[in-house]
């Protein structure tokens, strides 16, 4: 009879002990599973351009072609970063920074010459004779952060 009582006690306490053991183990695993803060995710934000100021042109020897152009870029949105690349061309829509030479005029290769906080100054020159002065109507600038 005593063995039967002991057997019933074990049958009663065994599931309770197992549940306590599993619950404690799960808590211990969750307490040590820390994930660091990261910048992963998806979202949306305003894409804004740059204000182009302080534009200066340098003409070629005969004064008929624009050999060089320089300008400053300032982000139009507070908190936006400074431009890290810039491209320039005259007339026509142009393909942007990754395409071939834009239609309507030669591409000007731009080099960063000064940084003042988020304001960047660029000097752009062409390898060829440059844009003719007479049909030059629009200076296009493409910049990226």
C-alpha atoms as a PDB file:
ATOM      1  CA  UNK A   1       0.000   0.000   0.000  1.00  0.00           C
ATOM      2  CA  UNK A   2       2.829   2.289   0.834  1.00  0.00           C
ATOM      3  CA  UNK A   3       4.383   1.752  -2.595  1.00  0.00           C
ATOM      4  CA  UNK A   4       1.088   2.669  -4.235  1.00  0.00           C
ATOM      5  CA  UNK A   5       0.873   5.960  -2.284  1.00  0.00           C
ATOM      6  CA  UNK A   6       4.461   6.776  -3.205  1.00  0.00           C
ATOM      7  CA  UNK A   7       3.738   5.992  -6.859  1.00  0.00           C
ATOM      8  CA  UNK A   8       0.734   8.312  -6.843  1.00  0.00           C
ATOM      9  CA  UNK A   9       2.755  11.087  -5.218  1.00  0.00           C
ATOM     10  CA  UNK A  10       5.455  10.741  -7.877  1.00  0.00           C
ATOM     11  CA  UNK A  11       2.821  10.752 -10.625  1.00  0.00           C
ATOM     12  CA  UNK A  12       1.373  13.941  -9.146  1.00  0.00           C
ATOM     13  CA  UNK A  13       4.643  15.820  -8.525  1.00  0.00           C
ATOM     14  CA  UNK A  14       6.487  14.787 -11.708  1.00  0.00           C
ATOM     15  CA  UNK A  15       4.392  16.923 -14.132  1.00  0.00           C
ATOM     16  CA  UNK A  16       4.528  19.911 -11.762  1.00  0.00           C
ATOM     17  CA  UNK A  17       8.308  19.610 -11.420  1.00  0.00           C
ATOM     18  CA  UNK A  18       8.681  19.292 -15.205  1.00  0.00           C
ATOM     19  CA  UNK A  19       6.617  22.433 -15.792  1.00  0.00           C
ATOM     20  CA  UNK A  20       8.667  24.412 -13.273  1.00  0.00           C
ATOM     21  CA  UNK A  21      11.904  23.176 -14.870  1.00  0.00           C
ATOM     22  CA  UNK A  22      10.773  24.084 -18.406  1.00  0.00           C
ATOM     23  CA  UNK A  23       9.470  27.501 -17.344  1.00  0.00           C
ATOM     24  CA  UNK A  24      12.728  28.357 -15.595  1.00  0.00           C
ATOM     25  CA  UNK A  25      14.789  27.231 -18.569  1.00  0.00           C
ATOM     26  CA  UNK A  26      12.719  29.297 -21.017  1.00  0.00           C
ATOM     27  CA  UNK A  27      13.121  32.385 -18.829  1.00  0.00           C
ATOM     28  CA  UNK A  28      16.883  31.871 -18.655  1.00  0.00           C
ATOM     29  CA  UNK A  29      17.170  31.592 -22.448  1.00  0.00           C
ATOM     30  CA  UNK A  30      15.086  34.722 -23.027  1.00  0.00           C
ATOM     31  CA  UNK A  31      17.080  36.722 -20.504  1.00  0.00           C
ATOM     32  CA  UNK A  32      20.357  36.062 -22.370  1.00  0.00           C
ATOM     33  CA  UNK A  33      19.021  36.631 -25.897  1.00  0.00           C
ATOM     34  CA  UNK A  34      19.896  40.328 -26.255  1.00  0.00           C
ATOM     35  CA  UNK A  35      19.797  41.906 -29.727  1.00  0.00           C
ATOM     36  CA  UNK A  36      21.826  45.089 -30.238  1.00  0.00           C
ATOM     37  CA  UNK A  37      20.210  48.257 -31.587  1.00  0.00           C
ATOM     38  CA  UNK A  38      20.590  48.479 -35.371  1.00  0.00           C
ATOM     39  CA  UNK A  39      19.518  50.642 -38.278  1.00  0.00           C
ATOM     40  CA  UNK A  40      17.708  47.983 -40.264  1.00  0.00           C
ATOM     41  CA  UNK A  41      14.238  48.538 -41.621  1.00  0.00           C
ATOM     42  CA  UNK A  42      12.144  50.207 -44.244  1.00  0.00           C
ATOM     43  CA  UNK A  43      10.717  53.680 -44.347  1.00  0.00           C
ATOM     44  CA  UNK A  44      10.377  56.888 -46.270  1.00  0.00           C
ATOM     45  CA  UNK A  45      11.754  60.395 -46.024  1.00  0.00           C
ATOM     46  CA  UNK A  46      12.039  63.568 -48.045  1.00  0.00           C
ATOM     47  CA  UNK A  47      14.554  63.614 -50.873  1.00  0.00           C
ATOM     48  CA  UNK A  48      15.731  67.137 -51.381  1.00  0.00           C
ATOM     49  CA  UNK A  49      18.282  68.768 -53.594  1.00  0.00           C
ATOM     50  CA  UNK A  50      21.108  71.188 -53.159  1.00  0.00           C
ATOM     51  CA  UNK A  51      21.187  74.928 -53.652  1.00  0.00           C
ATOM     52  CA  UNK A  52      23.851  75.874 -56.228  1.00  0.00           C
ATOM     53  CA  UNK A  53      25.540  79.222 -55.481  1.00  0.00           C
ATOM     54  CA  UNK A  54      28.788  81.114 -56.160  1.00  0.00           C
ATOM     55  CA  UNK A  55      28.942  79.999 -59.808  1.00  0.00           C
ATOM     56  CA  UNK A  56      32.115  81.070 -61.648  1.00  0.00           C
ATOM     57  CA  UNK A  57      33.096  80.306 -65.252  1.00  0.00           C
ATOM     58  CA  UNK A  58      36.599  80.164 -66.738  1.00  0.00           C
ATOM     59  CA  UNK A  59      36.866  80.622 -70.493  1.00  0.00           C
ATOM     60  CA  UNK A  60      39.388  79.004 -72.821  1.00  0.00           C
ATOM     61  CA  UNK A  61      42.273  80.921 -74.506  1.00  0.00           C
ATOM     62  CA  UNK A  62      40.141  82.495 -77.274  1.00  0.00           C
ATOM     63  CA  UNK A  63      37.182  83.128 -74.968  1.00  0.00           C
ATOM     64  CA  UNK A  64      34.849  80.968 -77.063  1.00  0.00           C
ATOM     65  CA  UNK A  65      34.554  77.887 -74.818  1.00  0.00           C
ATOM     66  CA  UNK A  66      33.838  77.339 -71.131  1.00  0.00           C
ATOM     67  CA  UNK A  67      36.822  75.325 -69.881  1.00  0.00           C
ATOM     68  CA  UNK A  68      35.973  75.301 -66.193  1.00  0.00           C
ATOM     69  CA  UNK A  69      33.071  76.023 -63.860  1.00  0.00           C
ATOM     70  CA  UNK A  70      33.071  76.175 -60.065  1.00  0.00           C
ATOM     71  CA  UNK A  71      30.193  76.394 -57.600  1.00  0.00           C
ATOM     72  CA  UNK A  72      29.111  75.739 -54.023  1.00  0.00           C
ATOM     73  CA  UNK A  73      26.435  73.231 -52.972  1.00  0.00           C
ATOM     74  CA  UNK A  74      24.311  73.665 -49.838  1.00  0.00           C
ATOM     75  CA  UNK A  75      21.686  71.079 -48.781  1.00  0.00           C
ATOM     76  CA  UNK A  76      18.169  72.512 -49.073  1.00  0.00           C
ATOM     77  CA  UNK A  77      16.912  70.460 -46.113  1.00  0.00           C
ATOM     78  CA  UNK A  78      18.092  70.969 -42.513  1.00  0.00           C
ATOM     79  CA  UNK A  79      19.941  67.902 -41.317  1.00  0.00           C
ATOM     80  CA  UNK A  80      20.861  66.699 -44.821  1.00  0.00           C
ATOM     81  CA  UNK A  81      24.491  65.803 -45.385  1.00  0.00           C
ATOM     82  CA  UNK A  82      27.079  67.458 -47.574  1.00  0.00           C
ATOM     83  CA  UNK A  83      27.375  66.412 -51.206  1.00  0.00           C
ATOM     84  CA  UNK A  84      30.047  63.756 -51.778  1.00  0.00           C
ATOM     85  CA  UNK A  85      29.881  63.703 -55.583  1.00  0.00           C
ATOM     86  CA  UNK A  86      28.906  66.225 -58.242  1.00  0.00           C
ATOM     87  CA  UNK A  87      28.649  66.305 -62.048  1.00  0.00           C
ATOM     88  CA  UNK A  88      28.034  69.254 -64.345  1.00  0.00           C
ATOM     89  CA  UNK A  89      27.061  69.795 -67.986  1.00  0.00           C
ATOM     90  CA  UNK A  90      25.490  72.519 -70.092  1.00  0.00           C
ATOM     91  CA  UNK A  91      22.177  72.328 -71.982  1.00  0.00           C
ATOM     92  CA  UNK A  92      20.073  69.212 -72.340  1.00  0.00           C
ATOM     93  CA  UNK A  93      18.679  66.981 -69.598  1.00  0.00           C
ATOM     94  CA  UNK A  94      21.739  64.755 -69.190  1.00  0.00           C
ATOM     95  CA  UNK A  95      21.719  61.215 -67.831  1.00  0.00           C
ATOM     96  CA  UNK A  96      22.757  61.842 -64.219  1.00  0.00           C
ATOM     97  CA  UNK A  97      25.946  60.802 -62.457  1.00  0.00           C
ATOM     98  CA  UNK A  98      26.246  57.218 -63.728  1.00  0.00           C
ATOM     99  CA  UNK A  99      25.414  57.533 -67.428  1.00  0.00           C
ATOM    100  CA  UNK A 100      27.543  58.396 -70.474  1.00  0.00           C
ATOM    101  CA  UNK A 101      28.417  61.938 -71.561  1.00  0.00           C
ATOM    102  CA  UNK A 102      25.191  63.964 -71.635  1.00  0.00           C
ATOM    103  CA  UNK A 103      23.629  65.083 -74.905  1.00  0.00           C
ATOM    104  CA  UNK A 104      23.837  68.756 -75.777  1.00  0.00           C
ATOM    105  CA  UNK A 105      27.232  69.471 -74.287  1.00  0.00           C
ATOM    106  CA  UNK A 106      30.430  68.016 -72.876  1.00  0.00           C
ATOM    107  CA  UNK A 107      30.555  66.542 -69.403  1.00  0.00           C
ATOM    108  CA  UNK A 108      32.585  68.380 -66.806  1.00  0.00           C
ATOM    109  CA  UNK A 109      34.540  66.303 -64.292  1.00  0.00           C
ATOM    110  CA  UNK A 110      34.062  67.794 -60.821  1.00  0.00           C
ATOM    111  CA  UNK A 111      36.505  67.684 -57.907  1.00  0.00           C
ATOM    112  CA  UNK A 112      35.738  68.667 -54.342  1.00  0.00           C
ATOM    113  CA  UNK A 113      37.912  71.662 -53.423  1.00  0.00           C
ATOM    114  CA  UNK A 114      36.548  72.781 -50.025  1.00  0.00           C
ATOM    115  CA  UNK A 115      34.191  71.664 -47.254  1.00  0.00           C
ATOM    116  CA  UNK A 116      32.706  74.036 -44.680  1.00  0.00           C
ATOM    117  CA  UNK A 117      30.313  72.082 -42.466  1.00  0.00           C
ATOM    118  CA  UNK A 118      27.713  70.885 -45.046  1.00  0.00           C
ATOM    119  CA  UNK A 119      28.591  73.458 -47.736  1.00  0.00           C
ATOM    120  CA  UNK A 120      30.881  71.980 -50.396  1.00  0.00           C
ATOM    121  CA  UNK A 121      32.783  73.824 -53.129  1.00  0.00           C
ATOM    122  CA  UNK A 122      33.455  72.098 -56.451  1.00  0.00           C
ATOM    123  CA  UNK A 123      35.705  72.832 -59.422  1.00  0.00           C
ATOM    124  CA  UNK A 124      34.704  71.173 -62.700  1.00  0.00           C
ATOM    125  CA  UNK A 125      36.714  71.020 -65.906  1.00  0.00           C
ATOM    126  CA  UNK A 126      36.404  69.289 -69.249  1.00  0.00           C
ATOM    127  CA  UNK A 127      39.029  67.300 -71.143  1.00  0.00           C
ATOM    128  CA  UNK A 128      38.011  68.673 -74.525  1.00  0.00           C
ATOM    129  CA  UNK A 129      37.563  72.247 -75.718  1.00  0.00           C
ATOM    130  CA  UNK A 130      34.523  72.714 -73.462  1.00  0.00           C
ATOM    131  CA  UNK A 131      31.054  74.084 -74.055  1.00  0.00           C
ATOM    132  CA  UNK A 132      30.790  76.871 -76.643  1.00  0.00           C
ATOM    133  CA  UNK A 133      29.872  80.116 -74.930  1.00  0.00           C
ATOM    134  CA  UNK A 134      27.214  81.180 -77.450  1.00  0.00           C
ATOM    135  CA  UNK A 135      24.700  78.292 -77.135  1.00  0.00           C
ATOM    136  CA  UNK A 136      25.325  77.738 -73.405  1.00  0.00           C
ATOM    137  CA  UNK A 137      21.958  78.416 -71.795  1.00  0.00           C
ATOM    138  CA  UNK A 138      21.657  76.075 -68.819  1.00  0.00           C
ATOM    139  CA  UNK A 139      24.198  74.781 -66.334  1.00  0.00           C
ATOM    140  CA  UNK A 140      22.992  71.414 -64.989  1.00  0.00           C
ATOM    141  CA  UNK A 141      24.401  70.044 -61.738  1.00  0.00           C
ATOM    142  CA  UNK A 142      23.760  66.567 -60.392  1.00  0.00           C
ATOM    143  CA  UNK A 143      24.899  65.958 -56.812  1.00  0.00           C
ATOM    144  CA  UNK A 144      24.602  63.109 -54.355  1.00  0.00           C
ATOM    145  CA  UNK A 145      25.329  62.561 -50.684  1.00  0.00           C
END
